[in-house]
All heavy atoms as atom14 arrays in JSON, in Angstrom:
{
  "sequence": "DGWIDIVSGQFTEREVLWFKNPGDWPSTRQALWERNILTDSGSKKNE",
  "atom14_mask": [
    [1, 1, 1, 1, 1, 1, 1, 1, 0, 0, 0, 0, 0, 0],
    [1, 1, 1, 1, 0, 0, 0, 0, 0, 0, 0, 0, 0, 0],
    [1, 1, 1, 1, 1, 1, 1, 1, 1, 1, 1, 1, 1, 1],
    [1, 1, 1, 1, 1, 1, 1, 1, 0, 0, 0, 0, 0, 0],
    [1, 1, 1, 1, 1, 1, 1, 1, 0, 0, 0, 0, 0, 0],
    [1, 1, 1, 1, 1, 1, 1, 1, 0, 0, 0, 0, 0, 0],
    [1, 1, 1, 1, 1, 1, 1, 0, 0, 0, 0, 0, 0, 0],
    [1, 1, 1, 1, 1, 1, 0, 0, 0, 0, 0, 0, 0, 0],
    [1, 1, 1, 1, 0, 0, 0, 0, 0, 0, 0, 0, 0, 0],
    [1, 1, 1, 1, 1, 1, 1, 1, 1, 0, 0, 0, 0, 0],
    [1, 1, 1, 1, 1, 1, 1, 1, 1, 1, 1, 0, 0, 0],
    [1, 1, 1, 1, 1, 1, 1, 0, 0, 0, 0, 0, 0, 0],
    [1, 1, 1, 1, 1, 1, 1, 1, 1, 0, 0, 0, 0, 0],
    [1, 1, 1, 1, 1, 1, 1, 1, 1, 1, 1, 0, 0, 0],
    [1, 1, 1, 1, 1, 1, 1, 1, 1, 0, 0, 0, 0, 0],
    [1, 1, 1, 1, 1, 1, 1, 0, 0, 0, 0, 0, 0, 0],
    [1, 1, 1, 1, 1, 1, 1, 1, 0, 0, 0, 0, 0, 0],
    [1, 1, 1, 1, 1, 1, 1, 1, 1, 1, 1, 1, 1, 1],
    [1, 1, 1, 1, 1, 1, 1, 1, 1, 1, 1, 0, 0, 0],
    [1, 1, 1, 1, 1, 1, 1, 1, 1, 0, 0, 0, 0, 0],
    [1, 1, 1, 1, 1, 1, 1, 1, 0, 0, 0, 0, 0, 0],
    [1, 1, 1, 1, 1, 1, 1, 0, 0, 0, 0, 0, 0, 0],
    [1, 1, 1, 1, 0, 0, 0, 0, 0, 0, 0, 0, 0, 0],
    [1, 1, 1, 1, 1, 1, 1, 1, 0, 0, 0, 0, 0, 0],
    [1, 1, 1, 1, 1, 1, 1, 1, 1, 1, 1, 1, 1, 1],
    [1, 1, 1, 1, 1, 1, 1, 0, 0, 0, 0, 0, 0, 0],
    [1, 1, 1, 1, 1, 1, 0, 0, 0, 0, 0, 0, 0, 0],
    [1, 1, 1, 1, 1, 1, 1, 0, 0, 0, 0, 0, 0, 0],
    [1, 1, 1, 1, 1, 1, 1, 1, 1, 1, 1, 0, 0, 0],
    [1, 1, 1, 1, 1, 1, 1, 1, 1, 0, 0, 0, 0, 0],
    [1, 1, 1, 1, 1, 0, 0, 0, 0, 0, 0, 0, 0, 0],
    [1, 1, 1, 1, 1, 1, 1, 1, 0, 0, 0, 0, 0, 0],
    [1, 1, 1, 1, 1, 1, 1, 1, 1, 1, 1, 1, 1, 1],
    [1, 1, 1, 1, 1, 1, 1, 1, 1, 0, 0, 0, 0, 0],
    [1, 1, 1, 1, 1, 1, 1, 1, 1, 1, 1, 0, 0, 0],
    [1, 1, 1, 1, 1, 1, 1, 1, 0, 0, 0, 0, 0, 0],
    [1, 1, 1, 1, 1, 1, 1, 1, 0, 0, 0, 0, 0, 0],
    [1, 1, 1, 1, 1, 1, 1, 1, 0, 0, 0, 0, 0, 0],
    [1, 1, 1, 1, 1, 1, 1, 0, 0, 0, 0, 0, 0, 0],
    [1, 1, 1, 1, 1, 1, 1, 1, 0, 0, 0, 0, 0, 0],
    [1, 1, 1, 1, 1, 1, 0, 0, 0, 0, 0, 0, 0, 0],
    [1, 1, 1, 1, 0, 0, 0, 0, 0, 0, 0, 0, 0, 0],
    [1, 1, 1, 1, 1, 1, 0, 0, 0, 0, 0, 0, 0, 0],
    [1, 1, 1, 1, 1, 1, 1, 1, 1, 0, 0, 0, 0, 0],
    [1, 1, 1, 1, 1, 1, 1, 1, 1, 0, 0, 0, 0, 0],
    [1, 1, 1, 1, 1, 1, 1, 1, 0, 0, 0, 0, 0, 0],
    [1, 1, 1, 1, 1, 1, 1, 1, 1, 0, 0, 0, 0, 0]
  ],
  "atom14_positions": [
    [[68.1, 126.42, 157.9], [69.18, 125.51, 158.29], [70.5, 125.85, 157.61], [71.49, 125.13, 157.75], [68.79, 124.07, 158.0], [68.63, 123.78, 156.5], [68.7, 124.73, 155.69], [68.42, 122.6, 156.14], [0.0, 0.0, 0.0], [0.0, 0.0, 0.0], [0.0, 0.0, 0.0], [0.0, 0.0, 0.0], [0.0, 0.0, 0.0], [0.0, 0.0, 0.0]],
    [[70.52, 126.96, 156.86], [71.75, 127.38, 156.2], [71.95, 126.86, 154.8], [72.93, 127.2, 154.14], [0.0, 0.0, 0.0], [0.0, 0.0, 0.0], [0.0, 0.0, 0.0], [0.0, 0.0, 0.0], [0.0, 0.0, 0.0], [0.0, 0.0, 0.0], [0.0, 0.0, 0.0], [0.0, 0.0, 0.0], [0.0, 0.0, 0.0], [0.0, 0.0, 0.0]],
    [[71.01, 126.04, 154.31], [71.09, 125.48, 152.96], [69.93, 126.03, 152.11], [68.79, 126.08, 152.57], [71.03, 123.96, 152.99], [72.21, 123.33, 153.66], [72.34, 123.01, 154.98], [73.46, 122.98, 153.05], [73.58, 122.47, 155.23], [74.28, 122.42, 154.06], [73.95, 123.05, 151.74], [75.58, 121.97, 153.8], [75.23, 122.59, 151.48], [76.03, 122.06, 152.49]],
    [[70.23, 126.4, 150.87], [69.21, 126.94, 149.98], [68.27, 125.83, 149.53], [68.71, 124.81, 149.0], [69.86, 127.62, 148.75], [70.63, 128.86, 149.18], [68.8, 127.99, 147.73], [71.36, 129.55, 148.04], [0.0, 0.0, 0.0], [0.0, 0.0, 0.0], [0.0, 0.0, 0.0], [0.0, 0.0, 0.0], [0.0, 0.0, 0.0], [0.0, 0.0, 0.0]],
    [[66.98, 126.04, 149.72], [65.95, 125.1, 149.29], [65.37, 125.56, 147.95], [65.62, 126.67, 147.49], [64.85, 125.01, 150.35], [65.42, 124.68, 151.73], [66.09, 123.65, 151.86], [65.2, 125.49, 152.66], [0.0, 0.0, 0.0], [0.0, 0.0, 0.0], [0.0, 0.0, 0.0], [0.0, 0.0, 0.0], [0.0, 0.0, 0.0], [0.0, 0.0, 0.0]],
    [[64.58, 124.69, 147.34], [63.97, 124.99, 146.05], [62.46, 125.13, 146.23], [61.81, 124.26, 146.81], [64.28, 123.87, 145.03], [65.8, 123.74, 144.85], [63.6, 124.17, 143.69], [66.22, 122.57, 143.99], [0.0, 0.0, 0.0], [0.0, 0.0, 0.0], [0.0, 0.0, 0.0], [0.0, 0.0, 0.0], [0.0, 0.0, 0.0], [0.0, 0.0, 0.0]],
    [[61.92, 126.24, 145.75], [60.49, 126.54, 145.83], [59.93, 126.55, 144.42], [60.56, 127.07, 143.5], [60.24, 127.88, 146.52], [58.75, 128.14, 146.68], [60.93, 127.94, 147.87], [0.0, 0.0, 0.0], [0.0, 0.0, 0.0], [0.0, 0.0, 0.0], [0.0, 0.0, 0.0], [0.0, 0.0, 0.0], [0.0, 0.0, 0.0], [0.0, 0.0, 0.0]],
    [[58.74, 125.99, 144.25], [58.17, 125.86, 142.91], [56.66, 126.03, 142.95], [55.98, 125.4, 143.75], [58.53, 124.48, 142.33], [57.98, 124.3, 141.06], [0.0, 0.0, 0.0], [0.0, 0.0, 0.0], [0.0, 0.0, 0.0], [0.0, 0.0, 0.0], [0.0, 0.0, 0.0], [0.0, 0.0, 0.0], [0.0, 0.0, 0.0], [0.0, 0.0, 0.0]],
    [[56.15, 126.89, 142.06], [54.71, 127.01, 141.88], [54.22, 126.05, 140.82], [55.0, 125.4, 140.12], [0.0, 0.0, 0.0], [0.0, 0.0, 0.0], [0.0, 0.0, 0.0], [0.0, 0.0, 0.0], [0.0, 0.0, 0.0], [0.0, 0.0, 0.0], [0.0, 0.0, 0.0], [0.0, 0.0, 0.0], [0.0, 0.0, 0.0], [0.0, 0.0, 0.0]],
    [[52.89, 125.96, 140.68], [52.3, 125.05, 139.7], [51.22, 125.78, 138.91], [50.54, 126.67, 139.42], [51.69, 123.84, 140.41], [52.68, 123.05, 141.26], [52.05, 121.81, 141.85], [52.01, 120.76, 141.23], [51.53, 121.94, 143.08], [0.0, 0.0, 0.0], [0.0, 0.0, 0.0], [0.0, 0.0, 0.0], [0.0, 0.0, 0.0], [0.0, 0.0, 0.0]],
    [[51.08, 125.39, 137.64], [50.09, 126.02, 136.77], [48.66, 125.71, 137.2], [47.86, 126.62, 137.43], [50.27, 125.54, 135.32], [51.43, 126.16, 134.59], [52.58, 125.43, 134.36], [51.35, 127.44, 134.1], [53.64, 125.97, 133.67], [52.4, 128.0, 133.4], [53.55, 127.26, 133.18], [0.0, 0.0, 0.0], [0.0, 0.0, 0.0], [0.0, 0.0, 0.0]],
    [[48.31, 124.43, 137.27], [46.91, 124.03, 137.46], [46.69, 123.24, 138.74], [45.7, 122.51, 138.86], [46.42, 123.21, 136.24], [47.23, 122.03, 136.12], [46.51, 124.03, 134.97], [0.0, 0.0, 0.0], [0.0, 0.0, 0.0], [0.0, 0.0, 0.0], [0.0, 0.0, 0.0], [0.0, 0.0, 0.0], [0.0, 0.0, 0.0], [0.0, 0.0, 0.0]],
    [[47.59, 123.38, 139.69], [47.42, 122.82, 141.02], [47.57, 123.95, 142.04], [48.34, 124.89, 141.82], [48.44, 121.72, 141.31], [48.35, 120.53, 140.37], [47.06, 119.73, 140.54], [46.41, 119.86, 141.61], [46.69, 118.99, 139.61], [0.0, 0.0, 0.0], [0.0, 0.0, 0.0], [0.0, 0.0, 0.0], [0.0, 0.0, 0.0], [0.0, 0.0, 0.0]],
    [[46.84, 123.86, 143.14], [46.82, 124.95, 144.12], [48.08, 125.03, 144.98], [48.47, 126.11, 145.42], [45.6, 124.8, 145.03], [44.28, 124.95, 144.32], [43.12, 124.57, 145.23], [43.03, 125.46, 146.38], [42.06, 126.38, 146.55], [41.14, 126.52, 145.61], [42.03, 127.12, 147.63], [0.0, 0.0, 0.0], [0.0, 0.0, 0.0], [0.0, 0.0, 0.0]],
    [[48.74, 123.89, 145.19], [49.84, 123.86, 146.15], [51.1, 124.52, 145.59], [51.52, 124.25, 144.47], [50.17, 122.42, 146.55], [49.07, 121.69, 147.29], [48.07, 121.03, 146.37], [48.27, 121.12, 145.12], [47.1, 120.44, 146.86], [0.0, 0.0, 0.0], [0.0, 0.0, 0.0], [0.0, 0.0, 0.0], [0.0, 0.0, 0.0], [0.0, 0.0, 0.0]],
    [[51.7, 125.38, 146.41], [53.05, 125.88, 146.16], [54.0, 125.01, 146.97], [53.82, 124.83, 148.18], [53.18, 127.36, 146.58], [54.6, 127.86, 146.32], [52.17, 128.21, 145.82], [0.0, 0.0, 0.0], [0.0, 0.0, 0.0], [0.0, 0.0, 0.0], [0.0, 0.0, 0.0], [0.0, 0.0, 0.0], [0.0, 0.0, 0.0], [0.0, 0.0, 0.0]],
    [[55.0, 124.44, 146.31], [55.83, 123.41, 146.92], [57.22, 123.92, 147.28], [57.72, 124.86, 146.65], [55.97, 122.23, 145.96], [54.68, 121.63, 145.42], [54.98, 120.59, 144.35], [53.85, 121.01, 146.54], [0.0, 0.0, 0.0], [0.0, 0.0, 0.0], [0.0, 0.0, 0.0], [0.0, 0.0, 0.0], [0.0, 0.0, 0.0], [0.0, 0.0, 0.0]],
    [[57.81, 123.3, 148.3], [59.24, 123.54, 148.54], [59.92, 122.21, 148.81], [59.34, 121.28, 149.38], [59.48, 124.57, 149.64], [59.24, 124.14, 151.06], [58.04, 124.11, 151.7], [60.22, 123.74, 152.01], [58.21, 123.7, 153.0], [59.54, 123.47, 153.23], [61.61, 123.58, 151.99], [60.2, 123.06, 154.39], [62.26, 123.18, 153.14], [61.57, 122.92, 154.31]],
    [[61.16, 122.14, 148.36], [61.94, 120.91, 148.43], [63.18, 121.18, 149.28], [63.98, 122.07, 148.97], [62.31, 120.44, 147.03], [61.1, 120.13, 146.18], [60.48, 121.15, 145.45], [60.56, 118.87, 146.15], [59.35, 120.88, 144.68], [59.42, 118.59, 145.39], [58.81, 119.6, 144.66], [0.0, 0.0, 0.0], [0.0, 0.0, 0.0], [0.0, 0.0, 0.0]],
    [[63.3, 120.39, 150.34], [64.34, 120.63, 151.34], [65.7, 120.16, 150.84], [65.89, 118.99, 150.47], [64.0, 119.9, 152.64], [65.03, 120.08, 153.76], [64.59, 119.37, 155.02], [65.68, 119.42, 156.08], [66.08, 120.8, 156.41], [0.0, 0.0, 0.0], [0.0, 0.0, 0.0], [0.0, 0.0, 0.0], [0.0, 0.0, 0.0], [0.0, 0.0, 0.0]],
    [[66.64, 121.08, 150.83], [68.03, 120.76, 150.5], [68.57, 119.82, 151.58], [68.61, 120.18, 152.76], [68.85, 122.04, 150.44], [70.26, 121.84, 149.91], [70.86, 120.78, 150.08], [70.79, 122.87, 149.28], [0.0, 0.0, 0.0], [0.0, 0.0, 0.0], [0.0, 0.0, 0.0], [0.0, 0.0, 0.0], [0.0, 0.0, 0.0], [0.0, 0.0, 0.0]],
    [[68.99, 118.6, 151.21], [69.45, 117.64, 152.23], [70.72, 118.09, 152.93], [70.98, 117.66, 154.06], [69.66, 116.35, 151.44], [69.85, 116.79, 150.04], [69.01, 118.01, 149.87], [0.0, 0.0, 0.0], [0.0, 0.0, 0.0], [0.0, 0.0, 0.0], [0.0, 0.0, 0.0], [0.0, 0.0, 0.0], [0.0, 0.0, 0.0], [0.0, 0.0, 0.0]],
    [[71.52, 118.93, 152.27], [72.69, 119.49, 152.92], [73.89, 118.57, 153.01], [75.0, 119.03, 153.23], [0.0, 0.0, 0.0], [0.0, 0.0, 0.0], [0.0, 0.0, 0.0], [0.0, 0.0, 0.0], [0.0, 0.0, 0.0], [0.0, 0.0, 0.0], [0.0, 0.0, 0.0], [0.0, 0.0, 0.0], [0.0, 0.0, 0.0], [0.0, 0.0, 0.0]],
    [[73.71, 117.29, 152.83], [74.8, 116.33, 152.95], [75.38, 116.07, 151.57], [75.06, 115.1, 150.91], [74.29, 115.03, 153.57], [75.42, 114.02, 153.82], [76.58, 114.43, 153.76], [75.11, 112.85, 154.05], [0.0, 0.0, 0.0], [0.0, 0.0, 0.0], [0.0, 0.0, 0.0], [0.0, 0.0, 0.0], [0.0, 0.0, 0.0], [0.0, 0.0, 0.0]],
    [[76.23, 116.99, 151.12], [76.79, 116.88, 149.78], [78.18, 116.24, 149.86], [78.96, 116.55, 150.74], [76.91, 118.28, 149.15], [75.57, 118.91, 148.91], [74.82, 119.58, 149.82], [74.85, 118.96, 147.69], [73.66, 120.04, 149.26], [73.66, 119.68, 147.93], [75.08, 118.47, 146.4], [72.71, 119.92, 146.95], [74.14, 118.72, 145.42], [72.95, 119.43, 145.69]],
    [[78.55, 115.38, 148.88], [77.73, 114.94, 147.75], [77.03, 113.6, 147.97], [76.52, 113.01, 147.03], [78.77, 114.8, 146.64], [79.98, 114.3, 147.36], [79.96, 114.95, 148.72], [0.0, 0.0, 0.0], [0.0, 0.0, 0.0], [0.0, 0.0, 0.0], [0.0, 0.0, 0.0], [0.0, 0.0, 0.0], [0.0, 0.0, 0.0], [0.0, 0.0, 0.0]],
    [[76.99, 113.08, 149.2], [76.5, 111.71, 149.4], [75.03, 111.56, 149.06], [74.58, 110.48, 148.68], [76.75, 111.28, 150.84], [76.05, 112.11, 151.75], [0.0, 0.0, 0.0], [0.0, 0.0, 0.0], [0.0, 0.0, 0.0], [0.0, 0.0, 0.0], [0.0, 0.0, 0.0], [0.0, 0.0, 0.0], [0.0, 0.0, 0.0], [0.0, 0.0, 0.0]],
    [[74.21, 112.63, 149.17], [72.79, 112.54, 148.87], [72.48, 113.06, 147.47], [71.34, 113.36, 147.16], [71.97, 113.34, 149.9], [72.42, 114.7, 149.88], [72.12, 112.77, 151.29], [0.0, 0.0, 0.0], [0.0, 0.0, 0.0], [0.0, 0.0, 0.0], [0.0, 0.0, 0.0], [0.0, 0.0, 0.0], [0.0, 0.0, 0.0], [0.0, 0.0, 0.0]],
    [[73.46, 113.15, 146.65], [73.33, 113.8, 145.35], [72.24, 113.16, 144.48], [71.55, 113.83, 143.74], [74.68, 113.74, 144.63], [74.75, 114.52, 143.33], [76.19, 114.55, 142.83], [76.31, 115.27, 141.58], [76.21, 114.71, 140.39], [75.96, 113.42, 140.3], [76.33, 115.42, 139.29], [0.0, 0.0, 0.0], [0.0, 0.0, 0.0], [0.0, 0.0, 0.0]],
    [[72.08, 111.86, 144.54], [71.13, 111.17, 143.67], [69.76, 110.97, 144.31], [68.87, 110.42, 143.69], [71.72, 109.81, 143.25], [73.02, 109.91, 142.47], [72.86, 110.6, 141.13], [71.78, 110.58, 140.55], [73.91, 111.24, 140.64], [0.0, 0.0, 0.0], [0.0, 0.0, 0.0], [0.0, 0.0, 0.0], [0.0, 0.0, 0.0], [0.0, 0.0, 0.0]],
    [[69.58, 111.38, 145.56], [68.32, 111.14, 146.25], [67.31, 112.24, 145.95], [67.68, 113.41, 145.76], [68.56, 111.05, 147.75], [0.0, 0.0, 0.0], [0.0, 0.0, 0.0], [0.0, 0.0, 0.0], [0.0, 0.0, 0.0], [0.0, 0.0, 0.0], [0.0, 0.0, 0.0], [0.0, 0.0, 0.0], [0.0, 0.0, 0.0], [0.0, 0.0, 0.0]],
    [[66.02, 111.88, 145.9], [64.98, 112.88, 145.77], [64.9, 113.71, 147.05], [65.04, 113.18, 148.15], [63.63, 112.22, 145.49], [63.47, 111.47, 144.16], [62.06, 110.92, 144.05], [63.8, 112.37, 142.97], [0.0, 0.0, 0.0], [0.0, 0.0, 0.0], [0.0, 0.0, 0.0], [0.0, 0.0, 0.0], [0.0, 0.0, 0.0], [0.0, 0.0, 0.0]],
    [[64.68, 115.0, 146.88], [64.6, 115.89, 148.04], [63.21, 115.78, 148.68], [62.21, 115.51, 148.01], [64.86, 117.33, 147.6], [66.28, 117.59, 147.18], [67.22, 116.66, 146.83], [66.9, 118.86, 147.05], [68.39, 117.28, 146.49], [68.24, 118.64, 146.62], [66.49, 120.17, 147.25], [69.15, 119.67, 146.39], [67.38, 121.21, 147.02], [68.69, 120.95, 146.6]],
    [[63.17, 116.03, 149.98], [61.91, 115.98, 150.73], [60.95, 117.03, 150.2], [61.26, 118.22, 150.1], [62.2, 116.24, 152.21], [60.97, 116.27, 153.09], [61.31, 116.69, 154.5], [62.24, 116.08, 155.09], [60.65, 117.61, 155.03], [0.0, 0.0, 0.0], [0.0, 0.0, 0.0], [0.0, 0.0, 0.0], [0.0, 0.0, 0.0], [0.0, 0.0, 0.0]],
    [[59.74, 116.59, 149.86], [58.71, 117.46, 149.28], [57.8, 117.99, 150.38], [57.32, 117.23, 151.22], [57.91, 116.68, 148.25], [56.78, 117.44, 147.57], [56.02, 116.47, 146.66], [54.98, 117.1, 145.87], [53.73, 117.28, 146.26], [53.36, 116.9, 147.49], [52.83, 117.84, 145.45], [0.0, 0.0, 0.0], [0.0, 0.0, 0.0], [0.0, 0.0, 0.0]],
    [[57.54, 119.31, 150.37], [56.68, 119.94, 151.37], [55.74, 120.93, 150.68], [56.07, 121.48, 149.62], [57.51, 120.71, 152.4], [58.53, 119.84, 153.09], [58.25, 119.2, 154.08], [59.76, 119.8, 152.55], [0.0, 0.0, 0.0], [0.0, 0.0, 0.0], [0.0, 0.0, 0.0], [0.0, 0.0, 0.0], [0.0, 0.0, 0.0], [0.0, 0.0, 0.0]],
    [[54.59, 121.16, 151.28], [53.66, 122.18, 150.8], [53.93, 123.47, 151.56], [53.88, 123.5, 152.79], [52.2, 121.74, 150.97], [51.93, 120.5, 150.1], [51.25, 122.87, 150.6], [50.54, 119.91, 150.31], [0.0, 0.0, 0.0], [0.0, 0.0, 0.0], [0.0, 0.0, 0.0], [0.0, 0.0, 0.0], [0.0, 0.0, 0.0], [0.0, 0.0, 0.0]],
    [[54.24, 124.52, 150.82], [54.53, 125.81, 151.43], [53.26, 126.6, 151.71], [53.09, 127.17, 152.78], [55.47, 126.61, 150.53], [55.95, 127.97, 151.04], [56.73, 127.8, 152.34], [56.79, 128.67, 149.98], [0.0, 0.0, 0.0], [0.0, 0.0, 0.0], [0.0, 0.0, 0.0], [0.0, 0.0, 0.0], [0.0, 0.0, 0.0], [0.0, 0.0, 0.0]],
    [[52.35, 126.64, 150.72], [51.11, 127.38, 150.9], [50.11, 126.94, 149.84], [50.45, 126.19, 148.91], [51.34, 128.9, 150.8], [50.16, 129.6, 151.23], [51.67, 129.32, 149.38], [0.0, 0.0, 0.0], [0.0, 0.0, 0.0], [0.0, 0.0, 0.0], [0.0, 0.0, 0.0], [0.0, 0.0, 0.0], [0.0, 0.0, 0.0], [0.0, 0.0, 0.0]],
    [[48.89, 127.42, 149.97], [47.83, 127.2, 149.0], [47.69, 128.48, 148.18], [47.42, 129.54, 148.72], [46.52, 126.88, 149.73], [45.37, 126.58, 148.79], [45.46, 126.87, 147.58], [44.35, 126.04, 149.26], [0.0, 0.0, 0.0], [0.0, 0.0, 0.0], [0.0, 0.0, 0.0], [0.0, 0.0, 0.0], [0.0, 0.0, 0.0], [0.0, 0.0, 0.0]],
    [[47.9, 128.38, 146.88], [47.82, 129.56, 146.02], [46.4, 130.1, 145.9], [46.2, 131.26, 145.54], [48.35, 129.24, 144.62], [47.46, 128.38, 143.93], [0.0, 0.0, 0.0], [0.0, 0.0, 0.0], [0.0, 0.0, 0.0], [0.0, 0.0, 0.0], [0.0, 0.0, 0.0], [0.0, 0.0, 0.0], [0.0, 0.0, 0.0], [0.0, 0.0, 0.0]],
    [[45.4, 129.25, 146.18], [44.02, 129.65, 146.05], [43.47, 129.56, 144.65], [42.33, 129.95, 144.4], [0.0, 0.0, 0.0], [0.0, 0.0, 0.0], [0.0, 0.0, 0.0], [0.0, 0.0, 0.0], [0.0, 0.0, 0.0], [0.0, 0.0, 0.0], [0.0, 0.0, 0.0], [0.0, 0.0, 0.0], [0.0, 0.0, 0.0], [0.0, 0.0, 0.0]],
    [[44.28, 129.05, 143.71], [43.84, 129.0, 142.32], [44.41, 127.76, 141.62], [45.47, 127.25, 142.0], [44.3, 130.25, 141.57], [44.0, 130.17, 140.19], [0.0, 0.0, 0.0], [0.0, 0.0, 0.0], [0.0, 0.0, 0.0], [0.0, 0.0, 0.0], [0.0, 0.0, 0.0], [0.0, 0.0, 0.0], [0.0, 0.0, 0.0], [0.0, 0.0, 0.0]],
    [[43.7, 127.31, 140.59], [44.21, 126.29, 139.69], [44.46, 126.86, 138.3], [44.55, 126.12, 137.32], [43.23, 125.11, 139.62], [43.18, 124.27, 140.88], [42.37, 122.99, 140.66], [42.45, 122.09, 141.89], [41.73, 120.8, 141.65], [0.0, 0.0, 0.0], [0.0, 0.0, 0.0], [0.0, 0.0, 0.0], [0.0, 0.0, 0.0], [0.0, 0.0, 0.0]],
    [[44.61, 128.17, 138.24], [44.88, 128.86, 136.98], [45.98, 129.89, 137.21], [45.78, 131.09, 137.08], [43.6, 129.51, 136.44], [42.5, 128.49, 136.15], [41.19, 129.14, 135.73], [40.13, 128.08, 135.47], [38.81, 128.69, 135.11], [0.0, 0.0, 0.0], [0.0, 0.0, 0.0], [0.0, 0.0, 0.0], [0.0, 0.0, 0.0], [0.0, 0.0, 0.0]],
    [[47.16, 129.38, 137.56], [48.28, 130.22, 137.96], [49.2, 130.49, 136.77], [49.77, 129.57, 136.2], [49.07, 129.54, 139.07], [48.21, 129.26, 140.3], [47.69, 130.18, 140.93], [48.05, 127.98, 140.63], [0.0, 0.0, 0.0], [0.0, 0.0, 0.0], [0.0, 0.0, 0.0], [0.0, 0.0, 0.0], [0.0, 0.0, 0.0], [0.0, 0.0, 0.0]],
    [[49.34, 131.76, 136.42], [50.19, 132.12, 135.28], [51.67, 131.95, 135.62], [52.43, 131.38, 134.85], [49.92, 133.57, 134.87], [50.71, 134.03, 133.66], [50.34, 133.24, 132.4], [49.18, 132.79, 132.28], [51.23, 133.07, 131.53], [0.0, 0.0, 0.0], [0.0, 0.0, 0.0], [0.0, 0.0, 0.0], [0.0, 0.0, 0.0], [0.0, 0.0, 0.0]]
  ]
}
């Protein structure tokens, strides 16, 4: 959508997450970003 999103892995959870950039700056500045599951890492022991 033209806006940079944030992707984050987890140490002991399988889900790799991405958070959608709302794009409406600065009015949504204090709101939590939409949380999505990008993929399953297949492990709960992720370095």
